[in-house]
Amino acid sequence: MAKDVTTYALKQALAAQVDDHIEIAVEAQDGTKFKIRATSDQLDALMGDLETILDGDSADDAV
């Protein structure tokens, strides 16, 4: 990851369909708030990544 990327601890996130895209409103633990706009295809790819990560964690826990 690039050095100029800031990492935030998630406090909450909410999603909503807006016209032809999806918006995810995010609030960080420090109070920083922002929105992410994404297409359904982008979120499908993200969900695939998250499922792979979570499935890997489950396999690690079972050992």
PDB file of N, CA and C in Angstrom:
ATOM      1  N   MET A   1       0.843  -1.182   0.000  1.00  0.00           N
ATOM      2  CA  MET A   1       0.000   0.000   0.000  1.00  0.00           C
ATOM      3  C   MET A   1       0.889   1.247   0.000  1.00  0.00           C
ATOM      4  N   ALA A   2       0.411   2.318  -0.588  1.00  0.00           N
ATOM      5  CA  ALA A   2       1.174   3.552  -0.668  1.00  0.00           C
ATOM      6  C   ALA A   2       1.402   4.151   0.718  1.00  0.00           C
ATOM      7  N   LYS A   3       2.516   4.858   0.859  1.00  0.00           N
ATOM      8  CA  LYS A   3       2.862   5.453   2.149  1.00  0.00           C
ATOM      9  C   LYS A   3       1.927   6.586   2.547  1.00  0.00           C
ATOM     10  N   ASP A   4       1.250   7.211   1.577  1.00  0.00           N
ATOM     11  CA  ASP A   4       0.384   8.350   1.879  1.00  0.00           C
ATOM     12  C   ASP A   4      -1.053   7.944   2.188  1.00  0.00           C
ATOM     13  N   VAL A   5      -1.272   6.672   2.490  1.00  0.00           N
ATOM     14  CA  VAL A   5      -2.600   6.170   2.825  1.00  0.00           C
ATOM     15  C   VAL A   5      -2.784   6.216   4.333  1.00  0.00           C
ATOM     16  N   THR A   6      -3.914   6.754   4.775  1.00  0.00           N
ATOM     17  CA  THR A   6      -4.229   6.810   6.201  1.00  0.00           C
ATOM     18  C   THR A   6      -5.141   5.642   6.550  1.00  0.00           C
ATOM     19  N   THR A   7      -4.843   4.972   7.640  1.00  0.00           N
ATOM     20  CA  THR A   7      -5.665   3.860   8.114  1.00  0.00           C
ATOM     21  C   THR A   7      -6.541   4.343   9.265  1.00  0.00           C
ATOM     22  N   TYR A   8      -7.819   4.026   9.191  1.00  0.00           N
ATOM     23  CA  TYR A   8      -8.776   4.407  10.223  1.00  0.00           C
ATOM     24  C   TYR A   8      -9.392   3.158  10.830  1.00  0.00           C
ATOM     25  N   ALA A   9      -9.673   3.189  12.123  1.00  0.00           N
ATOM     26  CA  ALA A   9     -10.419   2.117  12.781  1.00  0.00           C
ATOM     27  C   ALA A   9     -11.908   2.406  12.575  1.00  0.00           C
ATOM     28  N   LEU A  10     -12.626   1.435  12.049  1.00  0.00           N
ATOM     29  CA  LEU A  10     -14.039   1.597  11.722  1.00  0.00           C
ATOM     30  C   LEU A  10     -14.895   1.683  12.971  1.00  0.00           C
ATOM     31  N   LYS A  11     -15.753   2.692  13.021  1.00  0.00           N
ATOM     32  CA  LYS A  11     -16.761   2.793  14.081  1.00  0.00           C
ATOM     33  C   LYS A  11     -18.078   2.233  13.563  1.00  0.00           C
ATOM     34  N   GLN A  12     -18.493   2.687  12.364  1.00  0.00           N
ATOM     35  CA  GLN A  12     -19.709   2.169  11.751  1.00  0.00           C
ATOM     36  C   GLN A  12     -19.711   2.465  10.265  1.00  0.00           C
ATOM     37  N   ALA A  13     -20.490   1.680   9.538  1.00  0.00           N
ATOM     38  CA  ALA A  13     -20.657   1.883   8.102  1.00  0.00           C
ATOM     39  C   ALA A  13     -22.085   1.539   7.727  1.00  0.00           C
ATOM     40  N   LEU A  14     -22.666   2.337   6.850  1.00  0.00           N
ATOM     41  CA  LEU A  14     -24.026   2.135   6.367  1.00  0.00           C
ATOM     42  C   LEU A  14     -24.013   2.211   4.847  1.00  0.00           C
ATOM     43  N   ALA A  15     -24.838   1.417   4.201  1.00  0.00           N
ATOM     44  CA  ALA A  15     -24.887   1.409   2.736  1.00  0.00           C
ATOM     45  C   ALA A  15     -26.277   1.775   2.248  1.00  0.00           C
ATOM     46  N   ALA A  16     -26.319   2.434   1.078  1.00  0.00           N
ATOM     47  CA  ALA A  16     -27.600   2.803   0.466  1.00  0.00           C
ATOM     48  C   ALA A  16     -27.454   2.811  -1.045  1.00  0.00           C
ATOM     49  N   GLN A  17     -28.532   2.419  -1.740  1.00  0.00           N
ATOM     50  CA  GLN A  17     -28.580   2.506  -3.202  1.00  0.00           C
ATOM     51  C   GLN A  17     -28.918   3.943  -3.570  1.00  0.00           C
ATOM     52  N   VAL A  18     -28.110   4.571  -4.418  1.00  0.00           N
ATOM     53  CA  VAL A  18     -28.356   5.935  -4.870  1.00  0.00           C
ATOM     54  C   VAL A  18     -28.236   5.941  -6.395  1.00  0.00           C
ATOM     55  N   ASP A  19     -29.347   6.119  -7.057  1.00  0.00           N
ATOM     56  CA  ASP A  19     -29.387   6.087  -8.522  1.00  0.00           C
ATOM     57  C   ASP A  19     -28.736   4.807  -9.044  1.00  0.00           C
ATOM     58  N   ASP A  20     -27.648   4.943  -9.807  1.00  0.00           N
ATOM     59  CA  ASP A  20     -27.026   3.780 -10.438  1.00  0.00           C
ATOM     60  C   ASP A  20     -25.815   3.241  -9.685  1.00  0.00           C
ATOM     61  N   HIS A  21     -25.612   3.696  -8.446  1.00  0.00           N
ATOM     62  CA  HIS A  21     -24.467   3.229  -7.667  1.00  0.00           C
ATOM     63  C   HIS A  21     -24.870   3.014  -6.211  1.00  0.00           C
ATOM     64  N   ILE A  22     -23.931   2.526  -5.447  1.00  0.00           N
ATOM     65  CA  ILE A  22     -24.148   2.291  -4.023  1.00  0.00           C
ATOM     66  C   ILE A  22     -23.206   3.211  -3.254  1.00  0.00           C
ATOM     67  N   GLU A  23     -23.703   3.847  -2.210  1.00  0.00           N
ATOM     68  CA  GLU A  23     -22.873   4.681  -1.357  1.00  0.00           C
ATOM     69  C   GLU A  23     -22.724   4.015  -0.002  1.00  0.00           C
ATOM     70  N   ILE A  24     -21.511   3.983   0.482  1.00  0.00           N
ATOM     71  CA  ILE A  24     -21.228   3.468   1.819  1.00  0.00           C
ATOM     72  C   ILE A  24     -20.743   4.647   2.649  1.00  0.00           C
ATOM     73  N   ALA A  25     -21.526   5.008   3.653  1.00  0.00           N
ATOM     74  CA  ALA A  25     -21.145   6.082   4.570  1.00  0.00           C
ATOM     75  C   ALA A  25     -20.349   5.449   5.707  1.00  0.00           C
ATOM     76  N   VAL A  26     -19.165   5.992   5.949  1.00  0.00           N
ATOM     77  CA  VAL A  26     -18.248   5.420   6.925  1.00  0.00           C
ATOM     78  C   VAL A  26     -17.923   6.456   7.995  1.00  0.00           C
ATOM     79  N   GLU A  27     -17.887   5.996   9.244  1.00  0.00           N
ATOM     80  CA  GLU A  27     -17.408   6.837  10.335  1.00  0.00           C
ATOM     81  C   GLU A  27     -16.293   6.077  11.043  1.00  0.00           C
ATOM     82  N   ALA A  28     -15.168   6.760  11.213  1.00  0.00           N
ATOM     83  CA  ALA A  28     -14.024   6.166  11.889  1.00  0.00           C
ATOM     84  C   ALA A  28     -14.099   6.446  13.389  1.00  0.00           C
ATOM     85  N   GLN A  29     -13.329   5.703  14.170  1.00  0.00           N
ATOM     86  CA  GLN A  29     -13.304   5.884  15.624  1.00  0.00           C
ATOM     87  C   GLN A  29     -12.940   7.313  16.019  1.00  0.00           C
ATOM     88  N   ASP A  30     -12.102   7.981  15.207  1.00  0.00           N
ATOM     89  CA  ASP A  30     -11.683   9.351  15.542  1.00  0.00           C
ATOM     90  C   ASP A  30     -12.689  10.405  15.103  1.00  0.00           C
ATOM     91  N   GLY A  31     -13.831   9.971  14.545  1.00  0.00           N
ATOM     92  CA  GLY A  31     -14.872  10.900  14.121  1.00  0.00           C
ATOM     93  C   GLY A  31     -14.808  11.282  12.654  1.00  0.00           C
ATOM     94  N   THR A  32     -13.773  10.887  11.935  1.00  0.00           N
ATOM     95  CA  THR A  32     -13.673  11.161  10.505  1.00  0.00           C
ATOM     96  C   THR A  32     -14.827  10.476   9.790  1.00  0.00           C
ATOM     97  N   LYS A  33     -15.509  11.224   8.906  1.00  0.00           N
ATOM     98  CA  LYS A  33     -16.639  10.682   8.161  1.00  0.00           C
ATOM     99  C   LYS A  33     -16.379  10.871   6.672  1.00  0.00           C
ATOM    100  N   PHE A  34     -16.739   9.868   5.891  1.00  0.00           N
ATOM    101  CA  PHE A  34     -16.612   9.973   4.446  1.00  0.00           C
ATOM    102  C   PHE A  34     -17.564   8.987   3.787  1.00  0.00           C
ATOM    103  N   LYS A  35     -17.759   9.168   2.471  1.00  0.00           N
ATOM    104  CA  LYS A  35     -18.604   8.265   1.696  1.00  0.00           C
ATOM    105  C   LYS A  35     -17.771   7.645   0.587  1.00  0.00           C
ATOM    106  N   ILE A  36     -18.105   6.412   0.268  1.00  0.00           N
ATOM    107  CA  ILE A  36     -17.494   5.689  -0.836  1.00  0.00           C
ATOM    108  C   ILE A  36     -18.594   5.404  -1.846  1.00  0.00           C
ATOM    109  N   ARG A  37     -18.353   5.738  -3.106  1.00  0.00           N
ATOM    110  CA  ARG A  37     -19.290   5.406  -4.187  1.00  0.00           C
ATOM    111  C   ARG A  37     -18.740   4.200  -4.920  1.00  0.00           C
ATOM    112  N   ALA A  38     -19.579   3.227  -5.178  1.00  0.00           N
ATOM    113  CA  ALA A  38     -19.132   2.022  -5.867  1.00  0.00           C
ATOM    114  C   ALA A  38     -20.238   1.470  -6.753  1.00  0.00           C
ATOM    115  N   THR A  39     -19.820   0.778  -7.798  1.00  0.00           N
ATOM    116  CA  THR A  39     -20.778   0.082  -8.650  1.00  0.00           C
ATOM    117  C   THR A  39     -21.038  -1.296  -8.034  1.00  0.00           C
ATOM    118  N   SER A  40     -22.079  -1.941  -8.504  1.00  0.00           N
ATOM    119  CA  SER A  40     -22.377  -3.298  -8.044  1.00  0.00           C
ATOM    120  C   SER A  40     -21.215  -4.240  -8.349  1.00  0.00           C
ATOM    121  N   ASP A  41     -20.591  -4.082  -9.522  1.00  0.00           N
ATOM    122  CA  ASP A  41     -19.454  -4.938  -9.881  1.00  0.00           C
ATOM    123  C   ASP A  41     -18.279  -4.741  -8.927  1.00  0.00           C
ATOM    124  N   GLN A  42     -18.008  -3.502  -8.559  1.00  0.00           N
ATOM    125  CA  GLN A  42     -16.918  -3.233  -7.624  1.00  0.00           C
ATOM    126  C   GLN A  42     -17.196  -3.868  -6.265  1.00  0.00           C
ATOM    127  N   LEU A  43     -18.444  -3.780  -5.809  1.00  0.00           N
ATOM    128  CA  LEU A  43     -18.790  -4.364  -4.519  1.00  0.00           C
ATOM    129  C   LEU A  43     -18.804  -5.884  -4.568  1.00  0.00           C
ATOM    130  N   ASP A  44     -19.193  -6.455  -5.695  1.00  0.00           N
ATOM    131  CA  ASP A  44     -19.112  -7.915  -5.852  1.00  0.00           C
ATOM    132  C   ASP A  44     -17.669  -8.384  -5.715  1.00  0.00           C
ATOM    133  N   ALA A  45     -16.737  -7.664  -6.333  1.00  0.00           N
ATOM    134  CA  ALA A  45     -15.317  -8.014  -6.232  1.00  0.00           C
ATOM    135  C   ALA A  45     -14.838  -7.873  -4.790  1.00  0.00           C
ATOM    136  N   LEU A  46     -15.265  -6.814  -4.113  1.00  0.00           N
ATOM    137  CA  LEU A  46     -14.885  -6.614  -2.713  1.00  0.00           C
ATOM    138  C   LEU A  46     -15.445  -7.723  -1.837  1.00  0.00           C
ATOM    139  N   MET A  47     -16.692  -8.102  -2.073  1.00  0.00           N
ATOM    140  CA  MET A  47     -17.306  -9.181  -1.292  1.00  0.00           C
ATOM    141  C   MET A  47     -16.538 -10.488  -1.485  1.00  0.00           C
ATOM    142  N   GLY A  48     -16.103 -10.753  -2.711  1.00  0.00           N
ATOM    143  CA  GLY A  48     -15.316 -11.942  -2.970  1.00  0.00           C
ATOM    144  C   GLY A  48     -14.019 -11.933  -2.170  1.00  0.00           C
ATOM    145  N   ASP A  49     -13.353 -10.777  -2.143  1.00  0.00           N
ATOM    146  CA  ASP A  49     -12.119 -10.648  -1.351  1.00  0.00           C
ATOM    147  C   ASP A  49     -12.392 -10.879   0.131  1.00  0.00           C
ATOM    148  N   LEU A  50     -13.456 -10.262   0.635  1.00  0.00           N
ATOM    149  CA  LEU A  50     -13.781 -10.399   2.059  1.00  0.00           C
ATOM    150  C   LEU A  50     -14.143 -11.832   2.419  1.00  0.00           C
ATOM    151  N   GLU A  51     -14.899 -12.501   1.559  1.00  0.00           N
ATOM    152  CA  GLU A  51     -15.259 -13.901   1.816  1.00  0.00           C
ATOM    153  C   GLU A  51     -14.011 -14.781   1.863  1.00  0.00           C
ATOM    154  N   THR A  52     -13.067 -14.529   0.958  1.00  0.00           N
ATOM    155  CA  THR A  52     -11.820 -15.290   0.948  1.00  0.00           C
ATOM    156  C   THR A  52     -11.048 -15.068   2.244  1.00  0.00           C
ATOM    157  N   ILE A  53     -10.973 -13.841   2.677  1.00  0.00           N
ATOM    158  CA  ILE A  53     -10.268 -13.517   3.928  1.00  0.00           C
ATOM    159  C   ILE A  53     -10.959 -14.175   5.115  1.00  0.00           C
ATOM    160  N   LEU A  54     -12.284 -14.032   5.198  1.00  0.00           N
ATOM    161  CA  LEU A  54     -13.025 -14.592   6.326  1.00  0.00           C
ATOM    162  C   LEU A  54     -12.997 -16.108   6.316  1.00  0.00           C
ATOM    163  N   ASP A  55     -13.078 -16.722   5.148  1.00  0.00           N
ATOM    164  CA  ASP A  55     -12.983 -18.179   5.055  1.00  0.00           C
ATOM    165  C   ASP A  55     -11.607 -18.651   5.505  1.00  0.00           C
ATOM    166  N   GLY A  56     -10.566 -17.884   5.184  1.00  0.00           N
ATOM    167  CA  GLY A  56      -9.225 -18.220   5.622  1.00  0.00           C
ATOM    168  C   GLY A  56      -9.092 -18.135   7.124  1.00  0.00           C
ATOM    169  N   ASP A  57      -9.720 -17.128   7.741  1.00  0.00           N
ATOM    170  CA  ASP A  57      -9.707 -16.991   9.202  1.00  0.00           C
ATOM    171  C   ASP A  57     -10.416 -18.161   9.859  1.00  0.00           C
ATOM    172  N   SER A  58     -11.536 -18.602   9.272  1.00  0.00           N
ATOM    173  CA  SER A  58     -12.284 -19.722   9.822  1.00  0.00           C
ATOM    174  C   SER A  58     -11.460 -20.994   9.760  1.00  0.00           C
ATOM    175  N   ALA A  59     -10.735 -21.182   8.667  1.00  0.00           N
ATOM    176  CA  ALA A  59      -9.887 -22.374   8.530  1.00  0.00           C
ATOM    177  C   ALA A  59      -8.759 -22.349   9.550  1.00  0.00           C
ATOM    178  N   ASP A  60      -8.199 -21.154   9.791  1.00  0.00           N
ATOM    179  CA  ASP A  60      -7.131 -21.010  10.789  1.00  0.00           C
ATOM    180  C   ASP A  60      -7.653 -21.318  12.187  1.00  0.00           C
ATOM    181  N   ASP A  61      -8.884 -20.882  12.480  1.00  0.00           N
ATOM    182  CA  ASP A  61      -9.473 -21.121  13.805  1.00  0.00           C
ATOM    183  C   ASP A  61      -9.741 -22.601  14.056  1.00  0.00           C
ATOM    184  N   ALA A  62     -10.025 -23.352  12.993  1.00  0.00           N
ATOM    185  CA  ALA A  62     -10.367 -24.767  13.129  1.00  0.00           C
ATOM    186  C   ALA A  62      -9.150 -25.641  13.412  1.00  0.00           C
ATOM    187  N   VAL A  63      -7.955 -25.111  13.116  1.00  0.00           N
ATOM    188  CA  VAL A  63      -6.731 -25.910  13.294  1.00  0.00           C
ATOM    189  C   VAL A  63      -6.337 -25.972  14.743  1.00  0.00           C
TER     190      VAL A  63
END
